[in-house]
């Protein structure tokens, strides 16, 4: 039996984040949205969705009306929200998977240069009847592969994901976005969510991905000066101060409550040299990393 998304999240919530480390995950589900509900997607999963309901797709400072069938590519580093306007027929579907499934344990995937991973490419593609039928057929083949006993079915599914991507890329992207009202507040909320979702750091599997205001601005598709202005207006603090404060909190937790070396912690938090990390921690806490480490046994 295929594990549902709800069952998956219940399981990892019971057993903790470490339970998912180093494991491939893939699932296919019917596509349903909650009418009138807006829920932001910050989870560590990629998603390809055949959208058949009408709704609004929101990004940081813009939105687009989805009033006809479309294929949506969701990347965990690009927060978005979906607001359904009416309940359509449940002809859509989505597949959800982690990065390890795509890279197959660390190998480079051709999908890295597609809308699934490349944040400079369009995220949504409107479809005609031929495209829709082709995509529905591919989803059906994925479902068939999931239920099969074939030992190489994950490789088959990865091939089908390639086909889904290329079916979309055959379509000329003509998406027209509308600027968001209250975009500044939304950008600030998304920045804070992106900042927080990086923690706790998984050492050595995954280090800090977003370390500077420019990193966050690129993820949110806004200019860094604009990001700095809206963050200051919304929080009264600078973007850099918020980032540094959160890195400091994580560093102190790791120094005092983990067995990772100071060098491992430094590299995981984006410091190329332990000396730079030491200077950073002492500047922001008044105490060196070594002194924080001694507090572990105090």
Foldseek 3Di string as FASTA:
>chain_A
DDQDPVNVVVVCVVVDPVVCPPDKDKDKFFDWDDAQDKDKAQDQKKKKKFDAFWWWKAFLWKIFTDPHTKIFIDHNLTIIIIHTHDTDPRLMMMMMIHPCLLCVRPNDHPCCPFLNNDVVDDGMAGDDPVLVVVLSVLSVVLVVLVPDPDPCSSVVNSVSVVVNRVSRVVGDDDTDIDTDDVSLVSLLVVLVVSLVSCPDQDPPPAADDQQDLCSSCVSRVHDSVSNQVSNCVVPVDGPNVVSLVVLLVNLLCCLQPHPDDLVRSCVRHPHPDSVVVQVSNCVVPVDGSVVSNVNNVD
